[in-house]
Protein backbone atom coordinates (compact mmCIF):
# COMPACT_ATOMS: atom_id res chain seq x y z
CA MET A 1 0.00 0.00 0.00
CA ILE A 2 3.01 2.32 0.24
CA VAL A 3 3.46 2.80 -3.51
CA PRO A 4 -0.20 3.69 -4.27
CA LEU A 5 -0.23 6.09 -1.32
CA LEU A 6 2.94 7.68 -2.65
CA ALA A 7 1.20 8.17 -6.00
CA VAL A 8 -1.75 9.88 -4.32
CA ALA A 9 0.52 12.10 -2.22
CA ALA A 10 2.54 13.08 -5.29
CA MET A 11 -0.67 13.88 -7.17
CA LEU A 12 -1.74 16.18 -4.35
CA GLY A 13 1.74 17.66 -4.42
CA ILE A 14 1.23 18.72 -8.03
CA LYS A 15 -1.69 20.94 -7.03
CA VAL A 16 0.09 22.32 -3.97
CA PHE A 17 3.24 23.22 -5.89
CA LEU A 18 1.29 24.83 -8.72
CA VAL A 19 -0.68 26.98 -6.26
CA LYS A 20 2.59 28.03 -4.58
CA GLY A 21 4.02 28.97 -7.98
CA ASN A 22 6.73 26.34 -8.17
CA PRO A 23 6.32 24.59 -11.54
CA LEU A 24 9.61 22.67 -11.34
CA ARG A 25 8.56 20.88 -8.15
CA ALA A 26 5.11 20.29 -9.65
CA PHE A 27 6.78 18.65 -12.65
CA ALA A 28 8.91 16.47 -10.36
CA SER A 29 5.80 15.50 -8.43
CA SER A 30 4.11 14.61 -11.72
CA CYS A 31 7.05 12.37 -12.60
CA VAL A 32 6.82 10.64 -9.22
CA THR A 33 3.09 10.10 -9.80
CA ILE A 34 3.65 8.45 -13.18
CA VAL A 35 6.46 6.21 -11.93
CA SER A 36 4.45 5.19 -8.85
CA VAL A 37 1.37 4.27 -10.88
CA VAL A 38 3.42 2.18 -13.31
CA PHE A 39 5.29 0.53 -10.44
CA THR A 40 1.95 -0.30 -8.77
CA GLY A 41 0.99 -2.26 -11.88
CA VAL A 42 4.31 -4.10 -11.88
CA ILE A 43 3.88 -5.01 -8.23
CA GLY A 44 0.39 -6.30 -8.99
CA LEU A 45 1.77 -8.71 -11.59
CA PHE A 46 4.46 -10.13 -9.28
CA PRO A 47 5.85 -12.83 -9.81
CA ASN A 48 4.35 -13.22 -13.30
CA LEU A 49 5.72 -10.53 -15.57
CA ILE A 50 3.65 -11.71 -18.53
CA PRO A 51 0.85 -14.11 -17.53
CA SER A 52 -0.10 -16.79 -20.06
CA SER A 53 -3.76 -17.16 -21.03
CA LEU A 54 -3.22 -20.79 -22.06
CA ASP A 55 -1.52 -22.29 -19.03
CA ALA A 56 0.01 -20.80 -15.90
CA ALA A 57 3.11 -22.93 -16.45
CA HIS A 58 3.89 -20.95 -19.61
CA SER A 59 3.88 -17.54 -17.93
CA LEU A 60 7.03 -15.42 -17.98
CA THR A 61 8.16 -15.02 -14.37
CA ILE A 62 11.04 -13.29 -12.60
CA PHE A 63 12.34 -16.60 -11.28
CA ARG A 64 14.82 -18.78 -13.13
CA VAL A 65 13.75 -22.34 -13.88
């Protein structure tokens, strides 16, 4: 739950930094939001990086066989 909460906090940070007139920090916060949302998806797929629709044994995983 840490990564999704980080994404939400960074999204709120965008608004705060724009109101304060600091566009560089708002941009950095936007970057953190994008990376956190993508990383949340990667965490959700763990350990299957690419799940197989045919058979679970054919999925691409992070573990070596």
